[in-house]
Amino acid sequence: MGKKQEIAIGIALQTQVLKTCPIHNQLYRDDEAPADDENMARAFGVAIELVHRYKPYAEEFNHDAHQLTDLLSQTLGAAPVSCPDCLAQRYSVKEQSGKRASAGP
């Protein structure tokens, strides 16, 4: 992962658009969170402000906030909507309980 990607992920985590699973330490996007639109707007606002106000970010993104907002969009679009490991465990438990139910008494 490059420095630009780290910055985008950091912004997404800071603004709670991305979350980290406390069990598996996997990143995911929680689309069902009630403040998701507000957090999304905050994330893009932070990205623009960083490029406009802070020299290290400005230099990293060639003084072009769109580079960072585009990367942020790509990062969020690529993130799963729940922890992949938790989801796999849920399906595994459902499959096993389904096999037990079909085996019958």
PDB file of N, CA and C in Angstrom:
ATOM      1  N   MET A   1       0.850  -1.167   0.000  1.00  0.00           N
ATOM      2  CA  MET A   1       0.000   0.000   0.000  1.00  0.00           C
ATOM      3  C   MET A   1       0.899   1.234   0.000  1.00  0.00           C
ATOM      4  N   GLY A   2       0.587   2.156  -0.888  1.00  0.00           N
ATOM      5  CA  GLY A   2       1.379   3.365  -1.006  1.00  0.00           C
ATOM      6  C   GLY A   2       0.929   4.451  -0.038  1.00  0.00           C
ATOM      7  N   LYS A   3       1.722   5.501   0.004  1.00  0.00           N
ATOM      8  CA  LYS A   3       1.445   6.605   0.919  1.00  0.00           C
ATOM      9  C   LYS A   3       0.100   7.268   0.609  1.00  0.00           C
ATOM     10  N   LYS A   4      -0.216   7.442  -0.665  1.00  0.00           N
ATOM     11  CA  LYS A   4      -1.484   8.070  -1.036  1.00  0.00           C
ATOM     12  C   LYS A   4      -2.666   7.231  -0.541  1.00  0.00           C
ATOM     13  N   GLN A   5      -2.572   5.935  -0.719  1.00  0.00           N
ATOM     14  CA  GLN A   5      -3.640   5.032  -0.264  1.00  0.00           C
ATOM     15  C   GLN A   5      -3.766   5.091   1.259  1.00  0.00           C
ATOM     16  N   GLU A   6      -2.650   5.155   1.957  1.00  0.00           N
ATOM     17  CA  GLU A   6      -2.678   5.269   3.418  1.00  0.00           C
ATOM     18  C   GLU A   6      -3.399   6.541   3.855  1.00  0.00           C
ATOM     19  N   ILE A   7      -3.168   7.621   3.138  1.00  0.00           N
ATOM     20  CA  ILE A   7      -3.827   8.896   3.459  1.00  0.00           C
ATOM     21  C   ILE A   7      -5.332   8.762   3.262  1.00  0.00           C
ATOM     22  N   ALA A   8      -5.751   8.181   2.149  1.00  0.00           N
ATOM     23  CA  ALA A   8      -7.180   8.014   1.872  1.00  0.00           C
ATOM     24  C   ALA A   8      -7.843   7.134   2.932  1.00  0.00           C
ATOM     25  N   ILE A   9      -7.204   6.044   3.289  1.00  0.00           N
ATOM     26  CA  ILE A   9      -7.758   5.155   4.308  1.00  0.00           C
ATOM     27  C   ILE A   9      -7.805   5.866   5.661  1.00  0.00           C
ATOM     28  N   GLY A  10      -6.770   6.618   5.984  1.00  0.00           N
ATOM     29  CA  GLY A  10      -6.737   7.367   7.237  1.00  0.00           C
ATOM     30  C   GLY A  10      -7.883   8.356   7.335  1.00  0.00           C
ATOM     31  N   ILE A  11      -8.166   9.059   6.255  1.00  0.00           N
ATOM     32  CA  ILE A  11      -9.284  10.006   6.235  1.00  0.00           C
ATOM     33  C   ILE A  11     -10.600   9.253   6.435  1.00  0.00           C
ATOM     34  N   ALA A  12     -10.767   8.145   5.730  1.00  0.00           N
ATOM     35  CA  ALA A  12     -12.001   7.359   5.824  1.00  0.00           C
ATOM     36  C   ALA A  12     -12.206   6.810   7.237  1.00  0.00           C
ATOM     37  N   LEU A  13     -11.138   6.369   7.876  1.00  0.00           N
ATOM     38  CA  LEU A  13     -11.247   5.871   9.248  1.00  0.00           C
ATOM     39  C   LEU A  13     -11.537   7.005  10.224  1.00  0.00           C
ATOM     40  N   GLN A  14     -10.850   8.120  10.058  1.00  0.00           N
ATOM     41  CA  GLN A  14     -11.021   9.260  10.955  1.00  0.00           C
ATOM     42  C   GLN A  14     -12.453   9.783  10.901  1.00  0.00           C
ATOM     43  N   THR A  15     -13.049   9.789   9.729  1.00  0.00           N
ATOM     44  CA  THR A  15     -14.402  10.309   9.568  1.00  0.00           C
ATOM     45  C   THR A  15     -15.462   9.212   9.705  1.00  0.00           C
ATOM     46  N   GLN A  16     -15.045   8.016  10.031  1.00  0.00           N
ATOM     47  CA  GLN A  16     -15.903   6.860  10.293  1.00  0.00           C
ATOM     48  C   GLN A  16     -16.700   6.384   9.074  1.00  0.00           C
ATOM     49  N   VAL A  17     -16.180   6.666   7.887  1.00  0.00           N
ATOM     50  CA  VAL A  17     -16.779   6.115   6.682  1.00  0.00           C
ATOM     51  C   VAL A  17     -16.331   4.666   6.533  1.00  0.00           C
ATOM     52  N   LEU A  18     -15.083   4.395   6.866  1.00  0.00           N
ATOM     53  CA  LEU A  18     -14.589   3.022   6.962  1.00  0.00           C
ATOM     54  C   LEU A  18     -14.457   2.677   8.433  1.00  0.00           C
ATOM     55  N   LYS A  19     -14.676   1.422   8.722  1.00  0.00           N
ATOM     56  CA  LYS A  19     -14.526   0.937  10.088  1.00  0.00           C
ATOM     57  C   LYS A  19     -13.573  -0.258  10.062  1.00  0.00           C
ATOM     58  N   THR A  20     -13.060  -0.595  11.229  1.00  0.00           N
ATOM     59  CA  THR A  20     -12.199  -1.758  11.369  1.00  0.00           C
ATOM     60  C   THR A  20     -12.914  -2.772  12.245  1.00  0.00           C
ATOM     61  N   CYS A  21     -13.025  -3.995  11.768  1.00  0.00           N
ATOM     62  CA  CYS A  21     -13.652  -5.053  12.561  1.00  0.00           C
ATOM     63  C   CYS A  21     -12.815  -5.277  13.820  1.00  0.00           C
ATOM     64  N   PRO A  22     -13.428  -5.205  15.002  1.00  0.00           N
ATOM     65  CA  PRO A  22     -12.664  -5.381  16.236  1.00  0.00           C
ATOM     66  C   PRO A  22     -12.162  -6.807  16.433  1.00  0.00           C
ATOM     67  N   ILE A  23     -12.750  -7.752  15.726  1.00  0.00           N
ATOM     68  CA  ILE A  23     -12.344  -9.157  15.872  1.00  0.00           C
ATOM     69  C   ILE A  23     -11.268  -9.529  14.865  1.00  0.00           C
ATOM     70  N   HIS A  24     -11.467  -9.153  13.593  1.00  0.00           N
ATOM     71  CA  HIS A  24     -10.578  -9.600  12.525  1.00  0.00           C
ATOM     72  C   HIS A  24      -9.639  -8.517  12.001  1.00  0.00           C
ATOM     73  N   ASN A  25      -9.807  -7.300  12.463  1.00  0.00           N
ATOM     74  CA  ASN A  25      -8.956  -6.184  12.036  1.00  0.00           C
ATOM     75  C   ASN A  25      -9.044  -5.940  10.528  1.00  0.00           C
ATOM     76  N   GLN A  26     -10.217  -6.198   9.949  1.00  0.00           N
ATOM     77  CA  GLN A  26     -10.456  -5.992   8.514  1.00  0.00           C
ATOM     78  C   GLN A  26     -11.209  -4.671   8.323  1.00  0.00           C
ATOM     79  N   LEU A  27     -10.865  -3.947   7.259  1.00  0.00           N
ATOM     80  CA  LEU A  27     -11.585  -2.718   6.935  1.00  0.00           C
ATOM     81  C   LEU A  27     -12.883  -3.043   6.213  1.00  0.00           C
ATOM     82  N   TYR A  28     -13.921  -2.271   6.511  1.00  0.00           N
ATOM     83  CA  TYR A  28     -15.185  -2.405   5.805  1.00  0.00           C
ATOM     84  C   TYR A  28     -15.939  -1.087   5.852  1.00  0.00           C
ATOM     85  N   ARG A  29     -16.917  -0.954   4.964  1.00  0.00           N
ATOM     86  CA  ARG A  29     -17.759   0.238   4.886  1.00  0.00           C
ATOM     87  C   ARG A  29     -19.136  -0.147   5.398  1.00  0.00           C
ATOM     88  N   ASP A  30     -19.627   0.577   6.380  1.00  0.00           N
ATOM     89  CA  ASP A  30     -20.928   0.283   6.976  1.00  0.00           C
ATOM     90  C   ASP A  30     -21.968   1.200   6.359  1.00  0.00           C
ATOM     91  N   ASP A  31     -22.602   0.762   5.276  1.00  0.00           N
ATOM     92  CA  ASP A  31     -23.596   1.573   4.574  1.00  0.00           C
ATOM     93  C   ASP A  31     -24.872   1.771   5.381  1.00  0.00           C
ATOM     94  N   GLU A  32     -25.088   0.943   6.381  1.00  0.00           N
ATOM     95  CA  GLU A  32     -26.315   1.039   7.158  1.00  0.00           C
ATOM     96  C   GLU A  32     -26.191   1.972   8.353  1.00  0.00           C
ATOM     97  N   ALA A  33     -25.029   2.550   8.553  1.00  0.00           N
ATOM     98  CA  ALA A  33     -24.849   3.489   9.667  1.00  0.00           C
ATOM     99  C   ALA A  33     -25.733   4.716   9.431  1.00  0.00           C
ATOM    100  N   PRO A  34     -26.423   5.193  10.469  1.00  0.00           N
ATOM    101  CA  PRO A  34     -27.352   6.305  10.288  1.00  0.00           C
ATOM    102  C   PRO A  34     -26.697   7.607   9.826  1.00  0.00           C
ATOM    103  N   ALA A  35     -25.459   7.845  10.159  1.00  0.00           N
ATOM    104  CA  ALA A  35     -24.785   9.100   9.806  1.00  0.00           C
ATOM    105  C   ALA A  35     -23.870   8.935   8.601  1.00  0.00           C
ATOM    106  N   ASP A  36     -24.101   7.913   7.781  1.00  0.00           N
ATOM    107  CA  ASP A  36     -23.182   7.603   6.694  1.00  0.00           C
ATOM    108  C   ASP A  36     -23.031   8.757   5.704  1.00  0.00           C
ATOM    109  N   ASP A  37     -24.119   9.372   5.280  1.00  0.00           N
ATOM    110  CA  ASP A  37     -24.031  10.488   4.330  1.00  0.00           C
ATOM    111  C   ASP A  37     -23.267  11.663   4.925  1.00  0.00           C
ATOM    112  N   GLU A  38     -23.528  11.930   6.186  1.00  0.00           N
ATOM    113  CA  GLU A  38     -22.836  13.021   6.867  1.00  0.00           C
ATOM    114  C   GLU A  38     -21.341  12.732   6.975  1.00  0.00           C
ATOM    115  N   ASN A  39     -21.000  11.505   7.322  1.00  0.00           N
ATOM    116  CA  ASN A  39     -19.591  11.126   7.425  1.00  0.00           C
ATOM    117  C   ASN A  39     -18.909  11.156   6.065  1.00  0.00           C
ATOM    118  N   MET A  40     -19.630  10.754   5.036  1.00  0.00           N
ATOM    119  CA  MET A  40     -19.077  10.761   3.679  1.00  0.00           C
ATOM    120  C   MET A  40     -18.749  12.198   3.269  1.00  0.00           C
ATOM    121  N   ALA A  41     -19.672  13.119   3.521  1.00  0.00           N
ATOM    122  CA  ALA A  41     -19.437  14.526   3.196  1.00  0.00           C
ATOM    123  C   ALA A  41     -18.247  15.061   3.986  1.00  0.00           C
ATOM    124  N   ARG A  42     -18.153  14.667   5.240  1.00  0.00           N
ATOM    125  CA  ARG A  42     -17.036  15.100   6.076  1.00  0.00           C
ATOM    126  C   ARG A  42     -15.711  14.568   5.528  1.00  0.00           C
ATOM    127  N   ALA A  43     -15.696  13.333   5.068  1.00  0.00           N
ATOM    128  CA  ALA A  43     -14.470  12.728   4.534  1.00  0.00           C
ATOM    129  C   ALA A  43     -13.966  13.504   3.324  1.00  0.00           C
ATOM    130  N   PHE A  44     -14.872  13.854   2.411  1.00  0.00           N
ATOM    131  CA  PHE A  44     -14.455  14.596   1.225  1.00  0.00           C
ATOM    132  C   PHE A  44     -14.041  16.020   1.586  1.00  0.00           C
ATOM    133  N   GLY A  45     -14.708  16.604   2.574  1.00  0.00           N
ATOM    134  CA  GLY A  45     -14.312  17.937   3.038  1.00  0.00           C
ATOM    135  C   GLY A  45     -12.920  17.937   3.642  1.00  0.00           C
ATOM    136  N   VAL A  46     -12.622  16.925   4.441  1.00  0.00           N
ATOM    137  CA  VAL A  46     -11.286  16.794   5.045  1.00  0.00           C
ATOM    138  C   VAL A  46     -10.241  16.620   3.955  1.00  0.00           C
ATOM    139  N   ALA A  47     -10.537  15.791   2.962  1.00  0.00           N
ATOM    140  CA  ALA A  47      -9.584  15.548   1.870  1.00  0.00           C
ATOM    141  C   ALA A  47      -9.252  16.846   1.138  1.00  0.00           C
ATOM    142  N   ILE A  48     -10.265  17.620   0.819  1.00  0.00           N
ATOM    143  CA  ILE A  48     -10.047  18.881   0.101  1.00  0.00           C
ATOM    144  C   ILE A  48      -9.256  19.855   0.952  1.00  0.00           C
ATOM    145  N   GLU A  49      -9.609  19.946   2.233  1.00  0.00           N
ATOM    146  CA  GLU A  49      -8.905  20.876   3.122  1.00  0.00           C
ATOM    147  C   GLU A  49      -7.439  20.494   3.288  1.00  0.00           C
ATOM    148  N   LEU A  50      -7.166  19.206   3.411  1.00  0.00           N
ATOM    149  CA  LEU A  50      -5.775  18.773   3.577  1.00  0.00           C
ATOM    150  C   LEU A  50      -4.914  19.202   2.393  1.00  0.00           C
ATOM    151  N   VAL A  51      -5.423  19.022   1.196  1.00  0.00           N
ATOM    152  CA  VAL A  51      -4.649  19.368   0.002  1.00  0.00           C
ATOM    153  C   VAL A  51      -4.505  20.882  -0.136  1.00  0.00           C
ATOM    154  N   HIS A  52      -5.524  21.609   0.253  1.00  0.00           N
ATOM    155  CA  HIS A  52      -5.475  23.072   0.119  1.00  0.00           C
ATOM    156  C   HIS A  52      -4.664  23.753   1.209  1.00  0.00           C
ATOM    157  N   ARG A  53      -4.591  23.157   2.398  1.00  0.00           N
ATOM    158  CA  ARG A  53      -3.977  23.865   3.534  1.00  0.00           C
ATOM    159  C   ARG A  53      -2.640  23.314   4.020  1.00  0.00           C
ATOM    160  N   TYR A  54      -2.333  22.079   3.718  1.00  0.00           N
ATOM    161  CA  TYR A  54      -1.139  21.471   4.310  1.00  0.00           C
ATOM    162  C   TYR A  54      -0.165  21.033   3.225  1.00  0.00           C
ATOM    163  N   LYS A  55       0.998  21.622   3.267  1.00  0.00           N
ATOM    164  CA  LYS A  55       1.994  21.441   2.214  1.00  0.00           C
ATOM    165  C   LYS A  55       2.328  19.975   1.912  1.00  0.00           C
ATOM    166  N   PRO A  56       2.554  19.123   2.933  1.00  0.00           N
ATOM    167  CA  PRO A  56       2.894  17.728   2.599  1.00  0.00           C
ATOM    168  C   PRO A  56       1.809  17.037   1.765  1.00  0.00           C
ATOM    169  N   TYR A  57       0.537  17.304   2.085  1.00  0.00           N
ATOM    170  CA  TYR A  57      -0.554  16.698   1.321  1.00  0.00           C
ATOM    171  C   TYR A  57      -0.658  17.337  -0.056  1.00  0.00           C
ATOM    172  N   ALA A  58      -0.476  18.638  -0.103  1.00  0.00           N
ATOM    173  CA  ALA A  58      -0.520  19.357  -1.385  1.00  0.00           C
ATOM    174  C   ALA A  58       0.543  18.800  -2.328  1.00  0.00           C
ATOM    175  N   GLU A  59       1.752  18.595  -1.823  1.00  0.00           N
ATOM    176  CA  GLU A  59       2.830  18.073  -2.659  1.00  0.00           C
ATOM    177  C   GLU A  59       2.568  16.627  -3.074  1.00  0.00           C
ATOM    178  N   GLU A  60       2.055  15.828  -2.136  1.00  0.00           N
ATOM    179  CA  GLU A  60       1.789  14.414  -2.427  1.00  0.00           C
ATOM    180  C   GLU A  60       0.753  14.263  -3.547  1.00  0.00           C
ATOM    181  N   PHE A  61      -0.216  15.178  -3.581  1.00  0.00           N
ATOM    182  CA  PHE A  61      -1.282  15.099  -4.572  1.00  0.00           C
ATOM    183  C   PHE A  61      -1.186  16.210  -5.620  1.00  0.00           C
ATOM    184  N   ASN A  62       0.016  16.744  -5.799  1.00  0.00           N
ATOM    185  CA  ASN A  62       0.292  17.739  -6.848  1.00  0.00           C
ATOM    186  C   ASN A  62      -0.654  18.941  -6.801  1.00  0.00           C
ATOM    187  N   HIS A  63      -0.996  19.374  -5.582  1.00  0.00           N
ATOM    188  CA  HIS A  63      -1.877  20.526  -5.376  1.00  0.00           C
ATOM    189  C   HIS A  63      -3.236  20.343  -6.043  1.00  0.00           C
ATOM    190  N   ASP A  64      -3.659  19.120  -6.218  1.00  0.00           N
ATOM    191  CA  ASP A  64      -4.924  18.822  -6.887  1.00  0.00           C
ATOM    192  C   ASP A  64      -5.792  17.974  -5.954  1.00  0.00           C
ATOM    193  N   ALA A  65      -6.770  18.620  -5.319  1.00  0.00           N
ATOM    194  CA  ALA A  65      -7.644  17.923  -4.368  1.00  0.00           C
ATOM    195  C   ALA A  65      -8.421  16.796  -5.032  1.00  0.00           C
ATOM    196  N   HIS A  66      -8.676  16.929  -6.338  1.00  0.00           N
ATOM    197  CA  HIS A  66      -9.431  15.882  -7.045  1.00  0.00           C
ATOM    198  C   HIS A  66      -8.681  14.556  -7.063  1.00  0.00           C
ATOM    199  N   GLN A  67      -7.362  14.604  -7.057  1.00  0.00           N
ATOM    200  CA  GLN A  67      -6.604  13.348  -7.005  1.00  0.00           C
ATOM    201  C   GLN A  67      -6.933  12.596  -5.721  1.00  0.00           C
ATOM    202  N   LEU A  68      -6.988  13.320  -4.611  1.00  0.00           N
ATOM    203  CA  LEU A  68      -7.278  12.673  -3.332  1.00  0.00           C
ATOM    204  C   LEU A  68      -8.751  12.276  -3.239  1.00  0.00           C
ATOM    205  N   THR A  69      -9.665  13.124  -3.686  1.00  0.00           N
ATOM    206  CA  THR A  69     -11.080  12.749  -3.598  1.00  0.00           C
ATOM    207  C   THR A  69     -11.399  11.577  -4.532  1.00  0.00           C
ATOM    208  N   ASP A  70     -10.749  11.522  -5.673  1.00  0.00           N
ATOM    209  CA  ASP A  70     -10.932  10.369  -6.568  1.00  0.00           C
ATOM    210  C   ASP A  70     -10.415   9.091  -5.920  1.00  0.00           C
ATOM    211  N   LEU A  71      -9.247   9.182  -5.301  1.00  0.00           N
ATOM    212  CA  LEU A  71      -8.683   8.019  -4.621  1.00  0.00           C
ATOM    213  C   LEU A  71      -9.566   7.599  -3.446  1.00  0.00           C
ATOM    214  N   LEU A  72     -10.098   8.563  -2.726  1.00  0.00           N
ATOM    215  CA  LEU A  72     -11.005   8.271  -1.617  1.00  0.00           C
ATOM    216  C   LEU A  72     -12.254   7.551  -2.141  1.00  0.00           C
ATOM    217  N   SER A  73     -12.799   8.013  -3.243  1.00  0.00           N
ATOM    218  CA  SER A  73     -13.964   7.357  -3.852  1.00  0.00           C
ATOM    219  C   SER A  73     -13.646   5.917  -4.252  1.00  0.00           C
ATOM    220  N   GLN A  74     -12.496   5.718  -4.866  1.00  0.00           N
ATOM    221  CA  GLN A  74     -12.089   4.366  -5.276  1.00  0.00           C
ATOM    222  C   GLN A  74     -11.909   3.464  -4.066  1.00  0.00           C
ATOM    223  N   THR A  75     -11.298   4.004  -3.022  1.00  0.00           N
ATOM    224  CA  THR A  75     -11.047   3.234  -1.805  1.00  0.00           C
ATOM    225  C   THR A  75     -12.359   2.803  -1.165  1.00  0.00           C
ATOM    226  N   LEU A  76     -13.302   3.735  -1.076  1.00  0.00           N
ATOM    227  CA  LEU A  76     -14.594   3.418  -0.469  1.00  0.00           C
ATOM    228  C   LEU A  76     -15.390   2.456  -1.343  1.00  0.00           C
ATOM    229  N   GLY A  77     -15.311   2.636  -2.643  1.00  0.00           N
ATOM    230  CA  GLY A  77     -16.022   1.751  -3.555  1.00  0.00           C
ATOM    231  C   GLY A  77     -15.505   0.323  -3.513  1.00  0.00           C
ATOM    232  N   ALA A  78     -14.228   0.169  -3.229  1.00  0.00           N
ATOM    233  CA  ALA A  78     -13.618  -1.158  -3.192  1.00  0.00           C
ATOM    234  C   ALA A  78     -13.803  -1.859  -1.845  1.00  0.00           C
ATOM    235  N   ALA A  79     -14.196  -1.113  -0.825  1.00  0.00           N
ATOM    236  CA  ALA A  79     -14.324  -1.691   0.517  1.00  0.00           C
ATOM    237  C   ALA A  79     -15.592  -2.534   0.610  1.00  0.00           C
ATOM    238  N   PRO A  80     -15.507  -3.688   1.252  1.00  0.00           N
ATOM    239  CA  PRO A  80     -16.712  -4.504   1.446  1.00  0.00           C
ATOM    240  C   PRO A  80     -17.674  -3.809   2.416  1.00  0.00           C
ATOM    241  N   VAL A  81     -18.959  -4.163   2.352  1.00  0.00           N
ATOM    242  CA  VAL A  81     -19.949  -3.514   3.210  1.00  0.00           C
ATOM    243  C   VAL A  81     -20.037  -4.139   4.597  1.00  0.00           C
ATOM    244  N   SER A  82     -19.293  -5.199   4.816  1.00  0.00           N
ATOM    245  CA  SER A  82     -19.151  -5.763   6.154  1.00  0.00           C
ATOM    246  C   SER A  82     -17.824  -6.510   6.197  1.00  0.00           C
ATOM    247  N   CYS A  83     -17.413  -6.875   7.371  1.00  0.00           N
ATOM    248  CA  CYS A  83     -16.146  -7.600   7.511  1.00  0.00           C
ATOM    249  C   CYS A  83     -16.244  -8.929   6.753  1.00  0.00           C
ATOM    250  N   PRO A  84     -15.353  -9.173   5.799  1.00  0.00           N
ATOM    251  CA  PRO A  84     -15.420 -10.428   5.024  1.00  0.00           C
ATOM    252  C   PRO A  84     -15.272 -11.671   5.899  1.00  0.00           C
ATOM    253  N   ASP A  85     -14.455 -11.587   6.937  1.00  0.00           N
ATOM    254  CA  ASP A  85     -14.249 -12.751   7.805  1.00  0.00           C
ATOM    255  C   ASP A  85     -15.488 -13.036   8.656  1.00  0.00           C
ATOM    256  N   CYS A  86     -16.139 -11.986   9.157  1.00  0.00           N
ATOM    257  CA  CYS A  86     -17.381 -12.171   9.919  1.00  0.00           C
ATOM    258  C   CYS A  86     -18.463 -12.754   9.023  1.00  0.00           C
ATOM    259  N   LEU A  87     -18.555 -12.259   7.802  1.00  0.00           N
ATOM    260  CA  LEU A  87     -19.552 -12.738   6.857  1.00  0.00           C
ATOM    261  C   LEU A  87     -19.328 -14.221   6.550  1.00  0.00           C
ATOM    262  N   ALA A  88     -18.084 -14.601   6.353  1.00  0.00           N
ATOM    263  CA  ALA A  88     -17.755 -16.012   6.070  1.00  0.00           C
ATOM    264  C   ALA A  88     -18.147 -16.889   7.258  1.00  0.00           C
ATOM    265  N   GLN A  89     -17.928 -16.411   8.463  1.00  0.00           N
ATOM    266  CA  GLN A  89     -18.283 -17.188   9.657  1.00  0.00           C
ATOM    267  C   GLN A  89     -19.798 -17.335   9.770  1.00  0.00           C
ATOM    268  N   ARG A  90     -20.539 -16.271   9.456  1.00  0.00           N
ATOM    269  CA  ARG A  90     -22.005 -16.335   9.521  1.00  0.00           C
ATOM    270  C   ARG A  90     -22.533 -17.377   8.547  1.00  0.00           C
ATOM    271  N   TYR A  91     -22.001 -17.384   7.315  1.00  0.00           N
ATOM    272  CA  TYR A  91     -22.452 -18.361   6.324  1.00  0.00           C
ATOM    273  C   TYR A  91     -22.074 -19.774   6.735  1.00  0.00           C
ATOM    274  N   SER A  92     -20.909 -19.927   7.333  1.00  0.00           N
ATOM    275  CA  SER A  92     -20.458 -21.240   7.777  1.00  0.00           C
ATOM    276  C   SER A  92     -21.388 -21.782   8.863  1.00  0.00           C
ATOM    277  N   VAL A  93     -21.770 -20.928   9.797  1.00  0.00           N
ATOM    278  CA  VAL A  93     -22.673 -21.344  10.877  1.00  0.00           C
ATOM    279  C   VAL A  93     -24.042 -21.695  10.308  1.00  0.00           C
ATOM    280  N   LYS A  94     -24.552 -20.905   9.364  1.00  0.00           N
ATOM    281  CA  LYS A  94     -25.855 -21.183   8.748  1.00  0.00           C
ATOM    282  C   LYS A  94     -25.830 -22.505   7.997  1.00  0.00           C
ATOM    283  N   GLU A  95     -24.735 -22.763   7.263  1.00  0.00           N
ATOM    284  CA  GLU A  95     -24.627 -24.016   6.509  1.00  0.00           C
ATOM    285  C   GLU A  95     -24.630 -25.216   7.451  1.00  0.00           C
ATOM    286  N   GLN A  96     -23.868 -25.106   8.551  1.00  0.00           N
ATOM    287  CA  GLN A  96     -23.776 -26.210   9.487  1.00  0.00           C
ATOM    288  C   GLN A  96     -25.110 -26.445  10.185  1.00  0.00           C
ATOM    289  N   SER A  97     -25.814 -25.382  10.557  1.00  0.00           N
ATOM    290  CA  SER A  97     -27.104 -25.572  11.212  1.00  0.00           C
ATOM    291  C   SER A  97     -28.129 -26.091  10.215  1.00  0.00           C
ATOM    292  N   GLY A  98     -28.013 -25.735   8.946  1.00  0.00           N
ATOM    293  CA  GLY A  98     -28.898 -26.262   7.912  1.00  0.00           C
ATOM    294  C   GLY A  98     -28.685 -27.744   7.684  1.00  0.00           C
ATOM    295  N   LYS A  99     -27.431 -28.181   7.758  1.00  0.00           N
ATOM    296  CA  LYS A  99     -27.128 -29.614   7.574  1.00  0.00           C
ATOM    297  C   LYS A  99     -27.709 -30.414   8.739  1.00  0.00           C
ATOM    298  N   ARG A 100     -27.601 -29.856   9.959  1.00  0.00           N
ATOM    299  CA  ARG A 100     -28.142 -30.555  11.120  1.00  0.00           C
ATOM    300  C   ARG A 100     -29.661 -30.656  11.025  1.00  0.00           C
ATOM    301  N   ALA A 101     -30.302 -29.581  10.575  1.00  0.00           N
ATOM    302  CA  ALA A 101     -31.757 -29.573  10.480  1.00  0.00           C
ATOM    303  C   ALA A 101     -32.240 -30.565   9.423  1.00  0.00           C
ATOM    304  N   SER A 102     -31.508 -30.680   8.300  1.00  0.00           N
ATOM    305  CA  SER A 102     -31.935 -31.600   7.248  1.00  0.00           C
ATOM    306  C   SER A 102     -31.645 -33.053   7.604  1.00  0.00           C
ATOM    307  N   ALA A 103     -30.713 -33.293   8.504  1.00  0.00           N
ATOM    308  CA  ALA A 103     -30.402 -34.649   8.917  1.00  0.00           C
ATOM    309  C   ALA A 103     -31.557 -35.214   9.735  1.00  0.00           C
ATOM    310  N   GLY A 104     -32.267 -34.308  10.411  1.00  0.00           N
ATOM    311  CA  GLY A 104     -33.458 -34.710  11.175  1.00  0.00           C
ATOM    312  C   GLY A 104     -33.141 -35.589  12.354  1.00  0.00           C
ATOM    313  N   PRO A 105     -34.200 -35.909  13.106  1.00  0.00           N
ATOM    314  CA  PRO A 105     -34.016 -36.759  14.311  1.00  0.00           C
ATOM    315  C   PRO A 105     -33.904 -38.214  13.970  1.00  0.00           C
TER     316      PRO A 105
END
